[in-house]
PDB file of N, CA and C in Angstrom:
ATOM      1  N   MET A   1      47.131  85.062  53.339  1.00  0.00           N
ATOM      2  CA  MET A   1      46.393  83.775  53.566  1.00  0.00           C
ATOM      3  C   MET A   1      45.701  83.680  54.546  1.00  0.00           C
ATOM      4  N   GLN A   2      44.178  83.379  55.437  1.00  0.00           N
ATOM      5  CA  GLN A   2      43.545  83.594  56.089  1.00  0.00           C
ATOM      6  C   GLN A   2      43.480  81.843  56.930  1.00  0.00           C
ATOM      7  N   LYS A   3      43.618  81.805  58.172  1.00  0.00           N
ATOM      8  CA  LYS A   3      43.831  80.116  58.685  1.00  0.00           C
ATOM      9  C   LYS A   3      42.622  78.905  58.168  1.00  0.00           C
ATOM     10  N   LEU A   4      42.953  78.269  58.000  1.00  0.00           N
ATOM     11  CA  LEU A   4      42.050  77.418  57.671  1.00  0.00           C
ATOM     12  C   LEU A   4      41.401  76.885  58.601  1.00  0.00           C
ATOM     13  N   LYS A   5      39.989  76.634  58.115  1.00  0.00           N
ATOM     14  CA  LYS A   5      38.511  76.391  59.193  1.00  0.00           C
ATOM     15  C   LYS A   5      38.579  74.531  58.319  1.00  0.00           C
ATOM     16  N   ILE A   6      38.677  73.452  59.076  1.00  0.00           N
ATOM     17  CA  ILE A   6      38.998  72.158  58.482  1.00  0.00           C
ATOM     18  C   ILE A   6      37.581  72.093  57.972  1.00  0.00           C
ATOM     19  N   ASP A   7      36.274  72.424  59.320  1.00  0.00           N
ATOM     20  CA  ASP A   7      35.316  71.563  58.636  1.00  0.00           C
ATOM     21  C   ASP A   7      34.682  72.609  56.915  1.00  0.00           C
ATOM     22  N   GLU A   8      35.225  74.166  56.844  1.00  0.00           N
ATOM     23  CA  GLU A   8      34.688  74.144  55.829  1.00  0.00           C
ATOM     24  C   GLU A   8      35.362  74.481  54.594  1.00  0.00           C
ATOM     25  N   ASP A   9      36.347  73.714  54.523  1.00  0.00           N
ATOM     26  CA  ASP A   9      37.768  73.944  53.446  1.00  0.00           C
ATOM     27  C   ASP A   9      38.364  72.862  53.051  1.00  0.00           C
ATOM     28  N   ILE A  10      37.935  71.579  53.988  1.00  0.00           N
ATOM     29  CA  ILE A  10      38.807  70.721  53.580  1.00  0.00           C
ATOM     30  C   ILE A  10      37.639  69.794  52.762  1.00  0.00           C
ATOM     31  N   ARG A  11      36.817  69.676  51.591  1.00  0.00           N
ATOM     32  CA  ARG A  11      36.048  69.141  50.513  1.00  0.00           C
ATOM     33  C   ARG A  11      37.155  68.251  49.508  1.00  0.00           C
ATOM     34  N   SER A  12      35.972  66.873  49.272  1.00  0.00           N
ATOM     35  CA  SER A  12      35.502  65.881  48.131  1.00  0.00           C
ATOM     36  C   SER A  12      36.002  66.426  47.065  1.00  0.00           C
ATOM     37  N   LEU A  13      36.826  65.385  46.104  1.00  0.00           N
ATOM     38  CA  LEU A  13      36.490  66.150  44.954  1.00  0.00           C
ATOM     39  C   LEU A  13      35.259  66.076  43.993  1.00  0.00           C
ATOM     40  N   SER A  14      34.633  65.308  44.343  1.00  0.00           N
ATOM     41  CA  SER A  14      33.674  64.966  43.362  1.00  0.00           C
ATOM     42  C   SER A  14      32.372  66.792  44.330  1.00  0.00           C
ATOM     43  N   GLU A  15      32.560  66.694  45.700  1.00  0.00           N
ATOM     44  CA  GLU A  15      32.102  68.063  46.053  1.00  0.00           C
ATOM     45  C   GLU A  15      32.719  68.949  44.968  1.00  0.00           C
ATOM     46  N   VAL A  16      33.546  69.199  44.988  1.00  0.00           N
ATOM     47  CA  VAL A  16      34.433  70.083  44.137  1.00  0.00           C
ATOM     48  C   VAL A  16      33.727  70.700  42.648  1.00  0.00           C
ATOM     49  N   ARG A  17      34.043  69.032  41.850  1.00  0.00           N
ATOM     50  CA  ARG A  17      33.342  69.149  40.668  1.00  0.00           C
ATOM     51  C   ARG A  17      32.310  69.557  40.473  1.00  0.00           C
ATOM     52  N   ASN A  18      31.042  68.874  41.344  1.00  0.00           N
ATOM     53  CA  ASN A  18      29.934  69.904  41.056  1.00  0.00           C
ATOM     54  C   ASN A  18      29.794  70.601  41.575  1.00  0.00           C
ATOM     55  N   SER A  19      30.822  71.755  42.285  1.00  0.00           N
ATOM     56  CA  SER A  19      30.437  72.992  42.298  1.00  0.00           C
ATOM     57  C   SER A  19      31.864  73.879  42.430  1.00  0.00           C
ATOM     58  N   MET A  20      32.504  73.781  41.281  1.00  0.00           N
ATOM     59  CA  MET A  20      34.023  74.533  41.107  1.00  0.00           C
ATOM     60  C   MET A  20      33.047  75.869  41.110  1.00  0.00           C
ATOM     61  N   ALA A  21      32.485  76.918  40.263  1.00  0.00           N
ATOM     62  CA  ALA A  21      31.851  78.081  40.636  1.00  0.00           C
ATOM     63  C   ALA A  21      31.769  78.499  42.227  1.00  0.00           C
ATOM     64  N   ASN A  22      31.226  77.724  42.951  1.00  0.00           N
ATOM     65  CA  ASN A  22      31.072  77.735  44.274  1.00  0.00           C
ATOM     66  C   ASN A  22      32.036  77.584  45.484  1.00  0.00           C
ATOM     67  N   PHE A  23      32.799  77.101  45.290  1.00  0.00           N
ATOM     68  CA  PHE A  23      34.001  76.611  46.113  1.00  0.00           C
ATOM     69  C   PHE A  23      35.146  78.206  44.866  1.00  0.00           C
ATOM     70  N   ILE A  24      35.427  78.369  43.692  1.00  0.00           N
ATOM     71  CA  ILE A  24      36.106  79.467  43.536  1.00  0.00           C
ATOM     72  C   ILE A  24      35.305  80.886  44.089  1.00  0.00           C
ATOM     73  N   LYS A  25      34.079  80.613  44.223  1.00  0.00           N
ATOM     74  CA  LYS A  25      33.458  82.405  45.406  1.00  0.00           C
ATOM     75  C   LYS A  25      34.119  82.090  46.401  1.00  0.00           C
ATOM     76  N   GLN A  26      34.293  80.872  46.862  1.00  0.00           N
ATOM     77  CA  GLN A  26      34.528  80.777  48.305  1.00  0.00           C
ATOM     78  C   GLN A  26      35.735  81.058  48.457  1.00  0.00           C
ATOM     79  N   VAL A  27      36.647  80.590  47.682  1.00  0.00           N
ATOM     80  CA  VAL A  27      38.499  81.026  48.368  1.00  0.00           C
ATOM     81  C   VAL A  27      38.828  82.510  47.678  1.00  0.00           C
ATOM     82  N   HIS A  28      38.200  83.303  47.078  1.00  0.00           N
ATOM     83  CA  HIS A  28      38.164  84.721  46.729  1.00  0.00           C
ATOM     84  C   HIS A  28      37.368  85.264  47.981  1.00  0.00           C
ATOM     85  N   ASP A  29      35.912  84.910  47.994  1.00  0.00           N
ATOM     86  CA  ASP A  29      35.323  85.311  49.260  1.00  0.00           C
ATOM     87  C   ASP A  29      36.841  85.761  50.790  1.00  0.00           C
ATOM     88  N   THR A  30      36.328  84.443  51.225  1.00  0.00           N
ATOM     89  CA  THR A  30      37.342  84.510  52.017  1.00  0.00           C
ATOM     90  C   THR A  30      38.633  84.021  52.624  1.00  0.00           C
ATOM     91  N   LYS A  31      39.579  84.010  51.811  1.00  0.00           N
ATOM     92  CA  LYS A  31      41.152  84.412  51.340  1.00  0.00           C
ATOM     93  C   LYS A  31      41.956  83.141  52.090  1.00  0.00           C
ATOM     94  N   ARG A  32      40.893  81.850  51.786  1.00  0.00           N
ATOM     95  CA  ARG A  32      41.519  80.487  52.532  1.00  0.00           C
ATOM     96  C   ARG A  32      41.462  79.743  51.511  1.00  0.00           C
ATOM     97  N   PRO A  33      42.312  78.772  51.582  1.00  0.00           N
ATOM     98  CA  PRO A  33      42.488  77.655  50.166  1.00  0.00           C
ATOM     99  C   PRO A  33      41.371  76.697  51.010  1.00  0.00           C
ATOM    100  N   VAL A  34      40.969  75.605  49.447  1.00  0.00           N
ATOM    101  CA  VAL A  34      40.258  74.873  49.858  1.00  0.00           C
ATOM    102  C   VAL A  34      40.782  73.690  49.819  1.00  0.00           C
ATOM    103  N   ILE A  35      40.704  72.701  50.494  1.00  0.00           N
ATOM    104  CA  ILE A  35      42.036  71.985  50.519  1.00  0.00           C
ATOM    105  C   ILE A  35      40.760  70.523  49.869  1.00  0.00           C
ATOM    106  N   ILE A  36      41.361  69.336  48.117  1.00  0.00           N
ATOM    107  CA  ILE A  36      40.353  68.409  47.761  1.00  0.00           C
ATOM    108  C   ILE A  36      41.254  67.088  47.923  1.00  0.00           C
ATOM    109  N   THR A  37      39.998  66.596  48.526  1.00  0.00           N
ATOM    110  CA  THR A  37      40.857  64.928  48.861  1.00  0.00           C
ATOM    111  C   THR A  37      39.686  64.032  48.189  1.00  0.00           C
ATOM    112  N   GLN A  38      40.748  63.086  47.985  1.00  0.00           N
ATOM    113  CA  GLN A  38      40.175  61.800  47.168  1.00  0.00           C
ATOM    114  C   GLN A  38      40.181  60.661  47.963  1.00  0.00           C
ATOM    115  N   HIS A  39      39.511  60.176  48.293  1.00  0.00           N
ATOM    116  CA  HIS A  39      39.437  58.373  48.959  1.00  0.00           C
ATOM    117  C   HIS A  39      40.259  58.998  50.692  1.00  0.00           C
ATOM    118  N   GLY A  40      39.700  60.474  51.035  1.00  0.00           N
ATOM    119  CA  GLY A  40      40.220  61.321  52.528  1.00  0.00           C
ATOM    120  C   GLY A  40      41.585  61.267  52.372  1.00  0.00           C
ATOM    121  N   LYS A  41      42.315  61.413  50.748  1.00  0.00           N
ATOM    122  CA  LYS A  41      43.399  62.065  51.421  1.00  0.00           C
ATOM    123  C   LYS A  41      43.668  63.191  50.298  1.00  0.00           C
ATOM    124  N   GLY A  42      44.381  64.090  50.604  1.00  0.00           N
ATOM    125  CA  GLY A  42      44.727  65.406  50.562  1.00  0.00           C
ATOM    126  C   GLY A  42      45.700  65.241  48.860  1.00  0.00           C
ATOM    127  N   ILE A  43      44.683  65.342  47.953  1.00  0.00           N
ATOM    128  CA  ILE A  43      45.766  65.840  46.607  1.00  0.00           C
ATOM    129  C   ILE A  43      45.404  67.016  45.759  1.00  0.00           C
ATOM    130  N   ALA A  44      44.950  68.034  45.915  1.00  0.00           N
ATOM    131  CA  ALA A  44      45.042  69.077  45.276  1.00  0.00           C
ATOM    132  C   ALA A  44      44.532  70.632  47.000  1.00  0.00           C
ATOM    133  N   VAL A  45      45.007  71.825  46.025  1.00  0.00           N
ATOM    134  CA  VAL A  45      43.851  72.805  46.784  1.00  0.00           C
ATOM    135  C   VAL A  45      43.944  74.002  45.530  1.00  0.00           C
ATOM    136  N   LEU A  46      43.082  74.720  46.002  1.00  0.00           N
ATOM    137  CA  LEU A  46      42.390  75.411  45.660  1.00  0.00           C
ATOM    138  C   LEU A  46      43.061  77.035  46.197  1.00  0.00           C
ATOM    139  N   LEU A  47      43.700  77.390  45.571  1.00  0.00           N
ATOM    140  CA  LEU A  47      43.709  78.785  46.539  1.00  0.00           C
ATOM    141  C   LEU A  47      43.609  80.241  45.458  1.00  0.00           C
ATOM    142  N   GLY A  48      43.150  81.145  45.927  1.00  0.00           N
ATOM    143  CA  GLY A  48      42.902  82.519  44.415  1.00  0.00           C
ATOM    144  C   GLY A  48      44.682  83.207  44.209  1.00  0.00           C
ATOM    145  N   ALA A  49      44.130  83.728  43.368  1.00  0.00           N
ATOM    146  CA  ALA A  49      45.453  84.300  42.524  1.00  0.00           C
ATOM    147  C   ALA A  49      46.366  84.738  43.624  1.00  0.00           C
ATOM    148  N   ASN A  50      45.305  85.938  43.919  1.00  0.00           N
ATOM    149  CA  ASN A  50      46.474  86.814  44.739  1.00  0.00           C
ATOM    150  C   ASN A  50      46.999  86.194  46.350  1.00  0.00           C
ATOM    151  N   GLU A  51      46.368  85.360  46.733  1.00  0.00           N
ATOM    152  CA  GLU A  51      47.019  84.406  47.671  1.00  0.00           C
ATOM    153  C   GLU A  51      47.988  83.749  47.123  1.00  0.00           C
ATOM    154  N   PHE A  52      47.860  82.994  46.018  1.00  0.00           N
ATOM    155  CA  PHE A  52      49.020  82.880  45.828  1.00  0.00           C
ATOM    156  C   PHE A  52      50.222  83.012  45.376  1.00  0.00           C
ATOM    157  N   GLU A  53      50.163  85.025  44.816  1.00  0.00           N
ATOM    158  CA  GLU A  53      51.125  85.446  44.193  1.00  0.00           C
ATOM    159  C   GLU A  53      51.933  85.889  45.405  1.00  0.00           C
ATOM    160  N   ALA A  54      51.162  86.136  46.585  1.00  0.00           N
ATOM    161  CA  ALA A  54      50.863  86.880  47.706  1.00  0.00           C
ATOM    162  C   ALA A  54      52.061  85.431  48.804  1.00  0.00           C
ATOM    163  N   MET A  55      52.082  84.500  48.205  1.00  0.00           N
ATOM    164  CA  MET A  55      52.470  83.335  49.216  1.00  0.00           C
ATOM    165  C   MET A  55      53.669  83.459  48.376  1.00  0.00           C
ATOM    166  N   GLN A  56      54.013  83.244  46.640  1.00  0.00           N
ATOM    167  CA  GLN A  56      55.105  83.204  46.280  1.00  0.00           C
ATOM    168  C   GLN A  56      55.889  84.409  46.662  1.00  0.00           C
ATOM    169  N   GLU A  57      55.831  85.070  46.812  1.00  0.00           N
ATOM    170  CA  GLU A  57      57.080  86.865  46.804  1.00  0.00           C
ATOM    171  C   GLU A  57      57.182  87.069  48.563  1.00  0.00           C
ATOM    172  N   LYS A  58      56.599  85.759  49.451  1.00  0.00           N
ATOM    173  CA  LYS A  58      56.958  85.759  50.650  1.00  0.00           C
ATOM    174  C   LYS A  58      58.097  84.866  50.990  1.00  0.00           C
ATOM    175  N   ILE A  59      57.915  84.116  49.659  1.00  0.00           N
ATOM    176  CA  ILE A  59      58.937  82.424  49.656  1.00  0.00           C
ATOM    177  C   ILE A  59      60.075  83.111  49.216  1.00  0.00           C
ATOM    178  N   GLU A  60      60.146  83.874  48.102  1.00  0.00           N
ATOM    179  CA  GLU A  60      61.316  84.486  47.373  1.00  0.00           C
ATOM    180  C   GLU A  60      62.179  86.091  48.530  1.00  0.00           C
ATOM    181  N   LEU A  61      61.273  86.213  49.200  1.00  0.00           N
ATOM    182  CA  LEU A  61      61.397  87.139  50.719  1.00  0.00           C
ATOM    183  C   LEU A  61      62.614  86.617  51.259  1.00  0.00           C
ATOM    184  N   LEU A  62      61.655  85.050  51.839  1.00  0.00           N
ATOM    185  CA  LEU A  62      62.577  84.420  52.812  1.00  0.00           C
ATOM    186  C   LEU A  62      63.479  83.739  52.313  1.00  0.00           C
ATOM    187  N   SER A  63      63.426  83.273  51.177  1.00  0.00           N
ATOM    188  CA  SER A  63      64.884  82.230  50.009  1.00  0.00           C
ATOM    189  C   SER A  63      66.278  83.367  49.918  1.00  0.00           C
ATOM    190  N   ASP A  64      65.565  84.966  50.088  1.00  0.00           N
ATOM    191  CA  ASP A  64      66.893  85.825  49.897  1.00  0.00           C
ATOM    192  C   ASP A  64      67.367  86.203  51.316  1.00  0.00           C
ATOM    193  N   ILE A  65      66.679  86.059  51.903  1.00  0.00           N
ATOM    194  CA  ILE A  65      66.729  86.506  53.870  1.00  0.00           C
ATOM    195  C   ILE A  65      68.111  85.147  53.882  1.00  0.00           C
ATOM    196  N   GLN A  66      67.678  83.900  53.214  1.00  0.00           N
ATOM    197  CA  GLN A  66      68.335  82.642  53.676  1.00  0.00           C
ATOM    198  C   GLN A  66      70.003  83.070  53.045  1.00  0.00           C
ATOM    199  N   THR A  67      69.527  83.458  51.981  1.00  0.00           N
ATOM    200  CA  THR A  67      71.133  83.423  50.990  1.00  0.00           C
ATOM    201  C   THR A  67      71.737  84.498  51.508  1.00  0.00           C
ATOM    202  N   SER A  68      71.055  85.253  52.410  1.00  0.00           N
ATOM    203  CA  SER A  68      72.576  86.951  53.047  1.00  0.00           C
ATOM    204  C   SER A  68      72.564  86.287  54.441  1.00  0.00           C
ATOM    205  N   LEU A  69      71.814  85.304  55.014  1.00  0.00           N
ATOM    206  CA  LEU A  69      72.308  84.719  56.706  1.00  0.00           C
ATOM    207  C   LEU A  69      73.211  83.310  56.041  1.00  0.00           C
ATOM    208  N   ASN A  70      73.573  82.490  54.923  1.00  0.00           N
ATOM    209  CA  ASN A  70      74.764  82.171  54.985  1.00  0.00           C
ATOM    210  C   ASN A  70      75.312  82.847  54.418  1.00  0.00           C
ATOM    211  N   GLN A  71      75.539  83.604  53.166  1.00  0.00           N
ATOM    212  CA  GLN A  71      76.870  84.903  53.260  1.00  0.00           C
ATOM    213  C   GLN A  71      77.745  85.128  54.400  1.00  0.00           C
ATOM    214  N   LEU A  72      76.362  85.731  55.022  1.00  0.00           N
ATOM    215  CA  LEU A  72      76.945  86.545  56.561  1.00  0.00           C
ATOM    216  C   LEU A  72      78.042  85.605  57.126  1.00  0.00           C
ATOM    217  N   GLU A  73      77.722  84.249  57.270  1.00  0.00           N
ATOM    218  CA  GLU A  73      78.582  83.143  58.037  1.00  0.00           C
ATOM    219  C   GLU A  73      79.386  82.739  57.368  1.00  0.00           C
ATOM    220  N   LYS A  74      79.679  83.164  56.003  1.00  0.00           N
ATOM    221  CA  LYS A  74      80.926  83.102  55.264  1.00  0.00           C
ATOM    222  C   LYS A  74      81.708  84.120  55.269  1.00  0.00           C
ATOM    223  N   GLY A  75      81.681  84.870  56.208  1.00  0.00           N
ATOM    224  CA  GLY A  75      82.250  86.242  55.985  1.00  0.00           C
ATOM    225  C   GLY A  75      81.767  87.352  54.648  1.00  0.00           C
ATOM    226  N   ALA A  76      81.033  86.677  53.779  1.00  0.00           N
ATOM    227  CA  ALA A  76      81.145  87.728  52.755  1.00  0.00           C
ATOM    228  C   ALA A  76      80.336  89.312  53.000  1.00  0.00           C
ATOM    229  N   GLY A  77      79.926  89.021  54.257  1.00  0.00           N
ATOM    230  CA  GLY A  77      79.259  90.607  53.984  1.00  0.00           C
ATOM    231  C   GLY A  77      80.307  91.741  55.203  1.00  0.00           C
ATOM    232  N   ILE A  78      78.892  93.236  54.939  1.00  0.00           N
ATOM    233  CA  ILE A  78      80.128  93.969  54.974  1.00  0.00           C
ATOM    234  C   ILE A  78      79.519  94.822  56.011  1.00  0.00           C
ATOM    235  N   SER A  79      80.068  96.062  56.134  1.00  0.00           N
ATOM    236  CA  SER A  79      79.574  96.540  57.732  1.00  0.00           C
ATOM    237  C   SER A  79      78.942  97.543  56.551  1.00  0.00           C
ATOM    238  N   HIS A  80      77.478  97.774  58.130  1.00  0.00           N
ATOM    239  CA  HIS A  80      76.916  99.415  57.976  1.00  0.00           C
ATOM    240  C   HIS A  80      77.029 100.227  57.763  1.00  0.00           C
ATOM    241  N   LYS A  81      78.871 100.865  57.778  1.00  0.00           N
ATOM    242  CA  LYS A  81      79.187 101.594  58.194  1.00  0.00           C
ATOM    243  C   LYS A  81      79.941 101.744  56.056  1.00  0.00           C
ATOM    244  N   ASP A  82      80.661 100.898  56.032  1.00  0.00           N
ATOM    245  CA  ASP A  82      80.824 100.959  54.229  1.00  0.00           C
ATOM    246  C   ASP A  82      79.444 100.614  53.558  1.00  0.00           C
ATOM    247  N   ALA A  83      78.690 100.116  53.815  1.00  0.00           N
ATOM    248  CA  ALA A  83      77.289  99.604  53.201  1.00  0.00           C
ATOM    249  C   ALA A  83      76.953 101.499  52.044  1.00  0.00           C
ATOM    250  N   LYS A  84      76.582 101.759  53.713  1.00  0.00           N
ATOM    251  CA  LYS A  84      76.329 103.606  53.628  1.00  0.00           C
ATOM    252  C   LYS A  84      77.085 104.327  53.153  1.00  0.00           C
ATOM    253  N   GLU A  85      78.466 104.244  52.850  1.00  0.00           N
ATOM    254  CA  GLU A  85      79.359 105.101  52.330  1.00  0.00           C
ATOM    255  C   GLU A  85      79.196 104.911  50.792  1.00  0.00           C
ATOM    256  N   LYS A  86      79.122 103.226  50.595  1.00  0.00           N
ATOM    257  CA  LYS A  86      79.169 102.566  49.405  1.00  0.00           C
ATOM    258  C   LYS A  86      77.510 103.039  48.806  1.00  0.00           C
ATOM    259  N   LEU A  87      76.772 103.006  49.188  1.00  0.00           N
ATOM    260  CA  LEU A  87      74.820 103.872  48.911  1.00  0.00           C
ATOM    261  C   LEU A  87      75.062 105.399  48.209  1.00  0.00           C
ATOM    262  N   LEU A  88      75.806 105.865  49.525  1.00  0.00           N
ATOM    263  CA  LEU A  88      75.653 107.414  49.258  1.00  0.00           C
ATOM    264  C   LEU A  88      76.860 107.796  48.286  1.00  0.00           C
ATOM    265  N   LYS A  89      77.802 106.994  47.980  1.00  0.00           N
ATOM    266  CA  LYS A  89      78.520 107.822  46.939  1.00  0.00           C
ATOM    267  C   LYS A  89      77.780 107.507  45.314  1.00  0.00           C
ATOM    268  N   ARG A  90      76.571 106.825  45.170  1.00  0.00           N
ATOM    269  CA  ARG A  90      75.631 106.333  43.719  1.00  0.00           C
ATOM    270  C   ARG A  90      74.792 107.631  43.883  1.00  0.00           C
ATOM    271  N   ILE A  91      74.068 108.431  45.608  1.00  0.00           N
ATOM    272  CA  ILE A  91      73.281 108.793  44.673  1.00  0.00           C
ATOM    273  C   ILE A  91      73.981 110.271  44.635  1.00  0.00           C
ATOM    274  N   PRO A  92      73.393 111.276  43.114  1.00  0.00           N
ATOM    275  CA  PRO A  92      73.600 112.282  42.629  1.00  0.00           C
ATOM    276  C   PRO A  92      73.684 113.141  43.473  1.00  0.00           C
ATOM    277  N   LYS A  93      74.781 114.886  43.713  1.00  0.00           N
ATOM    278  CA  LYS A  93      74.495 115.651  44.534  1.00  0.00           C
ATOM    279  C   LYS A  93      73.726 116.705  43.580  1.00  0.00           C
TER     280      LYS A  93
END
């Protein structure tokens, strides 16, 4: 996802409502989200489907990393040598 450009990517609900197709095209072309405001406050984000999917994958990966770190802190990990041996045993010769 590209960095937000405040002057282009923050729009009022009425602007978005009146030109939804244009904002969908903008999100698709720029790969940046549009922040939708109402009465000057952010209420929603318009985000391209591919960018949303990539964001979800990153969140899942970060969650997996955090889970692994928590397990290691509790002593639930195994050494690199043991992990390698286990994997090599699973590979057919």
